[in-house]
C-alpha atoms as a PDB file:
ATOM      1  CA  UNK A   1      68.350 103.970  44.288  1.00  0.00           C
ATOM      2  CA  UNK A   2      66.361 104.203  47.554  1.00  0.00           C
ATOM      3  CA  UNK A   3      62.851 104.447  48.925  1.00  0.00           C
ATOM      4  CA  UNK A   4      60.470 107.352  48.518  1.00  0.00           C
ATOM      5  CA  UNK A   5      57.860 107.760  51.256  1.00  0.00           C
ATOM      6  CA  UNK A   6      55.039 110.102  50.267  1.00  0.00           C
ATOM      7  CA  UNK A   7      52.534 111.071  52.961  1.00  0.00           C
ATOM      8  CA  UNK A   8      49.446 113.292  53.122  1.00  0.00           C
ATOM      9  CA  UNK A   9      48.032 114.904  56.238  1.00  0.00           C
ATOM     10  CA  UNK A  10      44.381 114.221  55.498  1.00  0.00           C
ATOM     11  CA  UNK A  11      42.294 116.510  57.607  1.00  0.00           C
ATOM     12  CA  UNK A  12      39.399 118.868  57.431  1.00  0.00           C
ATOM     13  CA  UNK A  13      40.485 122.190  55.873  1.00  0.00           C
ATOM     14  CA  UNK A  14      40.783 124.531  58.817  1.00  0.00           C
ATOM     15  CA  UNK A  15      43.297 127.068  57.473  1.00  0.00           C
ATOM     16  CA  UNK A  16      40.654 129.768  56.847  1.00  0.00           C
ATOM     17  CA  UNK A  17      39.900 129.691  60.545  1.00  0.00           C
ATOM     18  CA  UNK A  18      43.350 131.033  61.107  1.00  0.00           C
ATOM     19  CA  UNK A  19      42.343 133.945  58.870  1.00  0.00           C
ATOM     20  CA  UNK A  20      39.127 134.646  60.840  1.00  0.00           C
ATOM     21  CA  UNK A  21      36.767 132.825  58.421  1.00  0.00           C
ATOM     22  CA  UNK A  22      34.152 130.712  60.113  1.00  0.00           C
ATOM     23  CA  UNK A  23      34.186 127.803  57.674  1.00  0.00           C
ATOM     24  CA  UNK A  24      31.821 124.937  58.445  1.00  0.00           C
ATOM     25  CA  UNK A  25      33.002 121.383  58.867  1.00  0.00           C
ATOM     26  CA  UNK A  26      30.948 120.356  55.783  1.00  0.00           C
ATOM     27  CA  UNK A  27      32.525 123.078  53.618  1.00  0.00           C
ATOM     28  CA  UNK A  28      36.056 122.264  54.868  1.00  0.00           C
ATOM     29  CA  UNK A  29      35.461 118.614  54.073  1.00  0.00           C
ATOM     30  CA  UNK A  30      34.364 119.362  50.505  1.00  0.00           C
ATOM     31  CA  UNK A  31      37.690 121.108  49.847  1.00  0.00           C
ATOM     32  CA  UNK A  32      39.762 118.349  51.462  1.00  0.00           C
ATOM     33  CA  UNK A  33      37.896 115.567  49.770  1.00  0.00           C
ATOM     34  CA  UNK A  34      38.341 117.352  46.392  1.00  0.00           C
ATOM     35  CA  UNK A  35      42.042 117.504  46.945  1.00  0.00           C
ATOM     36  CA  UNK A  36      42.337 114.006  48.254  1.00  0.00           C
ATOM     37  CA  UNK A  37      40.743 112.649  45.101  1.00  0.00           C
ATOM     38  CA  UNK A  38      43.119 114.652  42.901  1.00  0.00           C
ATOM     39  CA  UNK A  39      46.000 113.132  44.828  1.00  0.00           C
ATOM     40  CA  UNK A  40      44.587 109.625  44.483  1.00  0.00           C
ATOM     41  CA  UNK A  41      44.178 110.120  40.769  1.00  0.00           C
ATOM     42  CA  UNK A  42      47.829 110.890  40.461  1.00  0.00           C
ATOM     43  CA  UNK A  43      48.978 107.991  42.745  1.00  0.00           C
ATOM     44  CA  UNK A  44      46.743 105.596  40.798  1.00  0.00           C
ATOM     45  CA  UNK A  45      48.059 106.757  37.458  1.00  0.00           C
ATOM     46  CA  UNK A  46      51.652 105.941  38.591  1.00  0.00           C
ATOM     47  CA  UNK A  47      50.816 102.865  40.652  1.00  0.00           C
ATOM     48  CA  UNK A  48      52.300 104.537  43.802  1.00  0.00           C
ATOM     49  CA  UNK A  49      51.261 103.676  47.356  1.00  0.00           C
ATOM     50  CA  UNK A  50      51.390 106.336  50.074  1.00  0.00           C
ATOM     51  CA  UNK A  51      50.506 106.944  53.705  1.00  0.00           C
ATOM     52  CA  UNK A  52      47.543 109.028  54.619  1.00  0.00           C
ATOM     53  CA  UNK A  53      47.534 110.359  58.189  1.00  0.00           C
ATOM     54  CA  UNK A  54      43.841 110.976  58.760  1.00  0.00           C
ATOM     55  CA  UNK A  55      41.877 112.824  61.378  1.00  0.00           C
ATOM     56  CA  UNK A  56      38.810 111.154  62.820  1.00  0.00           C
ATOM     57  CA  UNK A  57      36.690 113.992  61.465  1.00  0.00           C
ATOM     58  CA  UNK A  58      37.894 113.289  57.970  1.00  0.00           C
ATOM     59  CA  UNK A  59      37.408 109.505  58.327  1.00  0.00           C
ATOM     60  CA  UNK A  60      33.890 109.880  59.649  1.00  0.00           C
ATOM     61  CA  UNK A  61      32.718 112.594  57.231  1.00  0.00           C
ATOM     62  CA  UNK A  62      34.663 111.493  54.104  1.00  0.00           C
ATOM     63  CA  UNK A  63      33.463 107.903  53.865  1.00  0.00           C
ATOM     64  CA  UNK A  64      33.646 107.586  50.060  1.00  0.00           C
ATOM     65  CA  UNK A  65      37.150 109.091  49.903  1.00  0.00           C
ATOM     66  CA  UNK A  66      38.327 106.917  52.806  1.00  0.00           C
ATOM     67  CA  UNK A  67      37.056 103.842  50.938  1.00  0.00           C
ATOM     68  CA  UNK A  68      39.007 104.889  47.855  1.00  0.00           C
ATOM     69  CA  UNK A  69      42.170 105.330  49.926  1.00  0.00           C
ATOM     70  CA  UNK A  70      41.759 101.877  51.429  1.00  0.00           C
ATOM     71  CA  UNK A  71      40.849 100.225  48.150  1.00  0.00           C
ATOM     72  CA  UNK A  72      43.963 101.742  46.633  1.00  0.00           C
ATOM     73  CA  UNK A  73      46.151  99.848  49.044  1.00  0.00           C
ATOM     74  CA  UNK A  74      47.378 102.959  50.855  1.00  0.00           C
ATOM     75  CA  UNK A  75      48.355 103.061  54.519  1.00  0.00           C
ATOM     76  CA  UNK A  76      46.191 104.803  57.140  1.00  0.00           C
ATOM     77  CA  UNK A  77      47.963 106.608  60.032  1.00  0.00           C
ATOM     78  CA  UNK A  78      46.357 108.617  62.845  1.00  0.00           C
ATOM     79  CA  UNK A  79      46.347 112.404  62.741  1.00  0.00           C
ATOM     80  CA  UNK A  80      44.309 113.092  65.858  1.00  0.00           C
ATOM     81  CA  UNK A  81      40.527 113.634  66.069  1.00  0.00           C
ATOM     82  CA  UNK A  82      39.855 117.393  65.391  1.00  0.00           C
ATOM     83  CA  UNK A  83      42.665 119.173  63.559  1.00  0.00           C
ATOM     84  CA  UNK A  84      41.670 122.572  64.901  1.00  0.00           C
ATOM     85  CA  UNK A  85      41.600 121.545  68.604  1.00  0.00           C
ATOM     86  CA  UNK A  86      44.003 118.646  69.226  1.00  0.00           C
ATOM     87  CA  UNK A  87      43.818 117.210  72.685  1.00  0.00           C
ATOM     88  CA  UNK A  88      46.322 114.908  74.501  1.00  0.00           C
ATOM     89  CA  UNK A  89      43.816 112.015  74.659  1.00  0.00           C
ATOM     90  CA  UNK A  90      43.398 112.095  70.874  1.00  0.00           C
ATOM     91  CA  UNK A  91      46.555 109.957  70.599  1.00  0.00           C
ATOM     92  CA  UNK A  92      44.550 107.107  72.065  1.00  0.00           C
ATOM     93  CA  UNK A  93      41.061 107.910  70.713  1.00  0.00           C
ATOM     94  CA  UNK A  94      42.090 108.499  67.098  1.00  0.00           C
ATOM     95  CA  UNK A  95      43.852 105.091  66.816  1.00  0.00           C
ATOM     96  CA  UNK A  96      40.909 103.119  68.148  1.00  0.00           C
ATOM     97  CA  UNK A  97      38.305 105.086  66.124  1.00  0.00           C
ATOM     98  CA  UNK A  98      40.269 104.762  62.880  1.00  0.00           C
ATOM     99  CA  UNK A  99      40.652 101.045  63.398  1.00  0.00           C
ATOM    100  CA  UNK A 100      36.891 100.763  63.922  1.00  0.00           C
ATOM    101  CA  UNK A 101      36.147 102.807  60.780  1.00  0.00           C
ATOM    102  CA  UNK A 102      38.697 101.106  58.485  1.00  0.00           C
ATOM    103  CA  UNK A 103      39.081  97.595  59.863  1.00  0.00           C
ATOM    104  CA  UNK A 104      42.856  98.074  59.358  1.00  0.00           C
ATOM    105  CA  UNK A 105      45.731  98.248  61.804  1.00  0.00           C
ATOM    106  CA  UNK A 106      46.824 101.779  62.607  1.00  0.00           C
ATOM    107  CA  UNK A 107      50.484 101.787  63.493  1.00  0.00           C
ATOM    108  CA  UNK A 108      51.623 105.359  62.881  1.00  0.00           C
ATOM    109  CA  UNK A 109      50.854 108.711  64.338  1.00  0.00           C
ATOM    110  CA  UNK A 110      51.421 112.307  63.321  1.00  0.00           C
ATOM    111  CA  UNK A 111      50.354 115.212  65.474  1.00  0.00           C
ATOM    112  CA  UNK A 112      48.362 118.021  63.848  1.00  0.00           C
ATOM    113  CA  UNK A 113      50.668 120.846  62.776  1.00  0.00           C
ATOM    114  CA  UNK A 114      53.622 118.777  64.046  1.00  0.00           C
ATOM    115  CA  UNK A 115      52.848 120.129  67.521  1.00  0.00           C
ATOM    116  CA  UNK A 116      54.670 118.523  70.446  1.00  0.00           C
ATOM    117  CA  UNK A 117      53.182 115.204  71.575  1.00  0.00           C
ATOM    118  CA  UNK A 118      53.928 112.880  74.514  1.00  0.00           C
ATOM    119  CA  UNK A 119      56.003 109.952  73.330  1.00  0.00           C
ATOM    120  CA  UNK A 120      54.961 108.086  76.399  1.00  0.00           C
ATOM    121  CA  UNK A 121      51.398 108.351  75.217  1.00  0.00           C
ATOM    122  CA  UNK A 122      52.413 107.202  71.761  1.00  0.00           C
ATOM    123  CA  UNK A 123      54.057 104.153  73.215  1.00  0.00           C
ATOM    124  CA  UNK A 124      51.138 103.316  75.580  1.00  0.00           C
ATOM    125  CA  UNK A 125      48.673 103.700  72.744  1.00  0.00           C
ATOM    126  CA  UNK A 126      50.554 100.960  70.893  1.00  0.00           C
ATOM    127  CA  UNK A 127      51.923 102.776  67.852  1.00  0.00           C
ATOM    128  CA  UNK A 128      54.973 101.428  66.022  1.00  0.00           C
ATOM    129  CA  UNK A 129      56.197 104.785  64.882  1.00  0.00           C
ATOM    130  CA  UNK A 130      55.749 108.517  65.397  1.00  0.00           C
ATOM    131  CA  UNK A 131      56.172 111.004  62.575  1.00  0.00           C
ATOM    132  CA  UNK A 132      55.568 114.260  64.450  1.00  0.00           C
ATOM    133  CA  UNK A 133      59.027 115.865  64.269  1.00  0.00           C
ATOM    134  CA  UNK A 134      60.186 118.476  61.790  1.00  0.00           C
ATOM    135  CA  UNK A 135      63.960 118.551  62.599  1.00  0.00           C
ATOM    136  CA  UNK A 136      64.552 122.056  61.237  1.00  0.00           C
ATOM    137  CA  UNK A 137      64.377 125.718  62.342  1.00  0.00           C
ATOM    138  CA  UNK A 138      61.391 127.794  61.230  1.00  0.00           C
ATOM    139  CA  UNK A 139      60.930 130.920  63.290  1.00  0.00           C
ATOM    140  CA  UNK A 140      57.597 130.829  65.138  1.00  0.00           C
ATOM    141  CA  UNK A 141      57.026 127.152  64.224  1.00  0.00           C
ATOM    142  CA  UNK A 142      59.791 124.716  64.810  1.00  0.00           C
ATOM    143  CA  UNK A 143      63.180 124.794  66.572  1.00  0.00           C
ATOM    144  CA  UNK A 144      64.472 121.278  66.430  1.00  0.00           C
ATOM    145  CA  UNK A 145      68.086 121.533  65.224  1.00  0.00           C
ATOM    146  CA  UNK A 146      69.149 119.541  68.222  1.00  0.00           C
ATOM    147  CA  UNK A 147      67.072 116.462  67.149  1.00  0.00           C
ATOM    148  CA  UNK A 148      68.186 113.769  64.715  1.00  0.00           C
ATOM    149  CA  UNK A 149      67.186 114.277  61.062  1.00  0.00           C
ATOM    150  CA  UNK A 150      66.999 110.567  60.365  1.00  0.00           C
ATOM    151  CA  UNK A 151      64.933 107.761  62.102  1.00  0.00           C
ATOM    152  CA  UNK A 152      65.782 107.010  65.685  1.00  0.00           C
ATOM    153  CA  UNK A 153      64.267 105.168  68.637  1.00  0.00           C
ATOM    154  CA  UNK A 154      62.825 107.040  71.582  1.00  0.00           C
ATOM    155  CA  UNK A 155      61.267 105.131  74.476  1.00  0.00           C
ATOM    156  CA  UNK A 156      60.541 102.068  72.353  1.00  0.00           C
ATOM    157  CA  UNK A 157      58.957 104.033  69.494  1.00  0.00           C
ATOM    158  CA  UNK A 158      60.570 104.684  66.180  1.00  0.00           C
ATOM    159  CA  UNK A 159      60.662 108.377  65.297  1.00  0.00           C
ATOM    160  CA  UNK A 160      60.484 109.162  61.538  1.00  0.00           C
ATOM    161  CA  UNK A 161      61.243 112.877  61.146  1.00  0.00           C
ATOM    162  CA  UNK A 162      60.008 114.967  58.249  1.00  0.00           C
ATOM    163  CA  UNK A 163      62.488 115.282  55.393  1.00  0.00           C
ATOM    164  CA  UNK A 164      65.120 117.959  55.589  1.00  0.00           C
ATOM    165  CA  UNK A 165      68.299 118.386  53.458  1.00  0.00           C
ATOM    166  CA  UNK A 166      71.584 117.124  54.851  1.00  0.00           C
ATOM    167  CA  UNK A 167      73.846 119.746  56.535  1.00  0.00           C
ATOM    168  CA  UNK A 168      71.740 122.929  56.379  1.00  0.00           C
ATOM    169  CA  UNK A 169      68.500 121.051  57.246  1.00  0.00           C
ATOM    170  CA  UNK A 170      66.306 122.957  54.726  1.00  0.00           C
ATOM    171  CA  UNK A 171      62.726 121.700  55.164  1.00  0.00           C
ATOM    172  CA  UNK A 172      61.378 119.623  52.279  1.00  0.00           C
ATOM    173  CA  UNK A 173      57.715 119.616  53.366  1.00  0.00           C
ATOM    174  CA  UNK A 174      54.736 120.965  51.439  1.00  0.00           C
ATOM    175  CA  UNK A 175      55.527 124.681  51.731  1.00  0.00           C
ATOM    176  CA  UNK A 176      58.925 124.347  50.041  1.00  0.00           C
ATOM    177  CA  UNK A 177      57.419 122.760  46.910  1.00  0.00           C
ATOM    178  CA  UNK A 178      54.865 125.526  46.672  1.00  0.00           C
ATOM    179  CA  UNK A 179      57.437 128.320  46.652  1.00  0.00           C
ATOM    180  CA  UNK A 180      60.753 127.016  45.380  1.00  0.00           C
ATOM    181  CA  UNK A 181      61.315 126.635  41.684  1.00  0.00           C
ATOM    182  CA  UNK A 182      59.944 123.209  40.989  1.00  0.00           C
ATOM    183  CA  UNK A 183      63.168 121.904  39.388  1.00  0.00           C
ATOM    184  CA  UNK A 184      65.241 123.161  42.338  1.00  0.00           C
ATOM    185  CA  UNK A 185      62.997 121.341  44.873  1.00  0.00           C
ATOM    186  CA  UNK A 186      63.245 118.136  42.873  1.00  0.00           C
ATOM    187  CA  UNK A 187      67.075 118.429  42.750  1.00  0.00           C
ATOM    188  CA  UNK A 188      67.148 118.816  46.489  1.00  0.00           C
ATOM    189  CA  UNK A 189      64.793 115.857  46.976  1.00  0.00           C
ATOM    190  CA  UNK A 190      67.015 113.743  44.833  1.00  0.00           C
ATOM    191  CA  UNK A 191      70.057 114.837  46.859  1.00  0.00           C
ATOM    192  CA  UNK A 192      68.269 113.770  50.054  1.00  0.00           C
ATOM    193  CA  UNK A 193      67.460 110.388  48.507  1.00  0.00           C
ATOM    194  CA  UNK A 194      71.047 109.741  47.453  1.00  0.00           C
ATOM    195  CA  UNK A 195      72.481 110.880  50.754  1.00  0.00           C
ATOM    196  CA  UNK A 196      70.058 109.019  53.087  1.00  0.00           C
ATOM    197  CA  UNK A 197      68.846 106.147  50.959  1.00  0.00           C
ATOM    198  CA  UNK A 198      65.227 107.286  51.452  1.00  0.00           C
ATOM    199  CA  UNK A 199      63.173 110.468  51.105  1.00  0.00           C
ATOM    200  CA  UNK A 200      60.178 111.620  53.068  1.00  0.00           C
ATOM    201  CA  UNK A 201      57.923 114.529  52.424  1.00  0.00           C
ATOM    202  CA  UNK A 202      54.262 115.389  53.173  1.00  0.00           C
ATOM    203  CA  UNK A 203      51.458 117.427  51.720  1.00  0.00           C
ATOM    204  CA  UNK A 204      47.731 118.152  52.431  1.00  0.00           C
ATOM    205  CA  UNK A 205      44.726 117.503  50.224  1.00  0.00           C
ATOM    206  CA  UNK A 206      43.590 121.163  50.401  1.00  0.00           C
ATOM    207  CA  UNK A 207      46.773 122.196  48.615  1.00  0.00           C
ATOM    208  CA  UNK A 208      45.319 120.506  45.491  1.00  0.00           C
ATOM    209  CA  UNK A 209      42.163 122.663  45.586  1.00  0.00           C
ATOM    210  CA  UNK A 210      42.333 125.928  43.471  1.00  0.00           C
ATOM    211  CA  UNK A 211      42.045 128.153  46.552  1.00  0.00           C
ATOM    212  CA  UNK A 212      43.230 131.193  44.679  1.00  0.00           C
ATOM    213  CA  UNK A 213      39.916 131.312  42.907  1.00  0.00           C
ATOM    214  CA  UNK A 214      38.027 131.546  46.176  1.00  0.00           C
ATOM    215  CA  UNK A 215      38.599 134.963  47.745  1.00  0.00           C
ATOM    216  CA  UNK A 216      35.987 134.225  50.411  1.00  0.00           C
ATOM    217  CA  UNK A 217      38.595 131.861  52.065  1.00  0.00           C
ATOM    218  CA  UNK A 218      40.878 134.919  52.656  1.00  0.00           C
ATOM    219  CA  UNK A 219      44.041 132.832  52.211  1.00  0.00           C
ATOM    220  CA  UNK A 220      47.418 134.455  51.815  1.00  0.00           C
ATOM    221  CA  UNK A 221      49.814 133.983  48.915  1.00  0.00           C
ATOM    222  CA  UNK A 222      51.685 131.496  51.145  1.00  0.00           C
ATOM    223  CA  UNK A 223      48.757 129.046  50.687  1.00  0.00           C
ATOM    224  CA  UNK A 224      47.525 130.073  47.275  1.00  0.00           C
ATOM    225  CA  UNK A 225      50.782 129.917  45.398  1.00  0.00           C
ATOM    226  CA  UNK A 226      50.655 126.973  42.954  1.00  0.00           C
ATOM    227  CA  UNK A 227      47.596 125.610  44.738  1.00  0.00           C
ATOM    228  CA  UNK A 228      45.245 123.418  42.705  1.00  0.00           C
ATOM    229  CA  UNK A 229      46.421 122.356  39.221  1.00  0.00           C
ATOM    230  CA  UNK A 230      49.887 123.741  39.923  1.00  0.00           C
ATOM    231  CA  UNK A 231      50.364 121.180  42.787  1.00  0.00           C
ATOM    232  CA  UNK A 232      48.865 118.440  40.691  1.00  0.00           C
ATOM    233  CA  UNK A 233      51.550 119.049  38.061  1.00  0.00           C
ATOM    234  CA  UNK A 234      54.317 119.318  40.720  1.00  0.00           C
ATOM    235  CA  UNK A 235      53.359 116.079  42.467  1.00  0.00           C
ATOM    236  CA  UNK A 236      53.048 114.300  39.150  1.00  0.00           C
ATOM    237  CA  UNK A 237      56.562 115.567  38.074  1.00  0.00           C
ATOM    238  CA  UNK A 238      58.058 114.619  41.438  1.00  0.00           C
ATOM    239  CA  UNK A 239      56.890 111.062  41.091  1.00  0.00           C
ATOM    240  CA  UNK A 240      57.983 110.875  37.450  1.00  0.00           C
ATOM    241  CA  UNK A 241      61.483 112.100  38.431  1.00  0.00           C
ATOM    242  CA  UNK A 242      61.971 109.497  41.104  1.00  0.00           C
ATOM    243  CA  UNK A 243      60.455 106.677  38.972  1.00  0.00           C
ATOM    244  CA  UNK A 244      62.715 107.597  36.010  1.00  0.00           C
ATOM    245  CA  UNK A 245      65.743 107.238  38.294  1.00  0.00           C
ATOM    246  CA  UNK A 246      64.788 103.817  39.550  1.00  0.00           C
ATOM    247  CA  UNK A 247      63.537 104.769  42.966  1.00  0.00           C
ATOM    248  CA  UNK A 248      60.896 102.680  44.697  1.00  0.00           C
ATOM    249  CA  UNK A 249      57.850 104.021  46.565  1.00  0.00           C
ATOM    250  CA  UNK A 250      56.483 102.639  49.793  1.00  0.00           C
ATOM    251  CA  UNK A 251      54.477 103.235  52.951  1.00  0.00           C
ATOM    252  CA  UNK A 252      55.690 104.030  56.421  1.00  0.00           C
ATOM    253  CA  UNK A 253      54.980 100.799  58.315  1.00  0.00           C
ATOM    254  CA  UNK A 254      57.118  98.453  56.195  1.00  0.00           C
ATOM    255  CA  UNK A 255      59.909 101.157  56.219  1.00  0.00           C
ATOM    256  CA  UNK A 256      59.537 101.451  60.006  1.00  0.00           C
ATOM    257  CA  UNK A 257      59.771  97.683  60.520  1.00  0.00           C
ATOM    258  CA  UNK A 258      62.826  97.473  58.303  1.00  0.00           C
ATOM    259  CA  UNK A 259      64.565 100.207  60.282  1.00  0.00           C
ATOM    260  CA  UNK A 260      63.641  98.647  63.655  1.00  0.00           C
ATOM    261  CA  UNK A 261      64.872  95.226  62.488  1.00  0.00           C
ATOM    262  CA  UNK A 262      68.148  96.714  61.432  1.00  0.00           C
ATOM    263  CA  UNK A 263      68.573  98.511  64.829  1.00  0.00           C
ATOM    264  CA  UNK A 264      67.815  95.304  66.725  1.00  0.00           C
ATOM    265  CA  UNK A 265      70.350  93.286  64.668  1.00  0.00           C
ATOM    266  CA  UNK A 266      73.063  95.896  65.320  1.00  0.00           C
ATOM    267  CA  UNK A 267      72.267  95.879  69.081  1.00  0.00           C
ATOM    268  CA  UNK A 268      72.149  92.088  69.402  1.00  0.00           C
END
């Protein structure tokens, strides 16, 4: 049936800062840790492994949650150091710091907010793959219709773009599942899997926190819609749908190695 690659951008919750709320790092971590543990509950219930792209802030402050991610057999990827203020050197620093904190290899990188990142830096830092491309068009955010929508090599690093539908390139990331009718999103996800042989999507732990009950965060309907228990149900239903159809679940590094091996065989 194909491979499903679930990933989670595991960072301190800084969205309120975009709305003028001076949320502390400790408070933002409480929200993100709450959501991460709801995600882990669902993955554990289904026996599914996923990839968690973590900031150094989250890894340092959320020690218990990080231990649960590691003990669950999930992959750790780098997501920079500070999500609010990403710096070019974080490509290097975050990999080394996460390796120190986890004792595990860190082979993948995803830039905060899918901002542009130097692929030369990614290569020099020693990453196997980069997952920082959303190959769609979203006014004010992304304009990448000229980029491939499926994995490709760039300067010796495998690029694993975020999932978009074939042809029209409708983005299948977190925001779509919040706002589309759940059944429609799942049908589109299944179409991507059948067309490409794999499906990728990503979410954030803070989406699984009931933010609509916390007016002090000043979040808009874009973030509050279906947040908390609604997203728990939707993630659970998404996993069930794929499992019922015989799909397998995996993490990014084995998938990346398989793609690279295939490319090397074709080029040999």
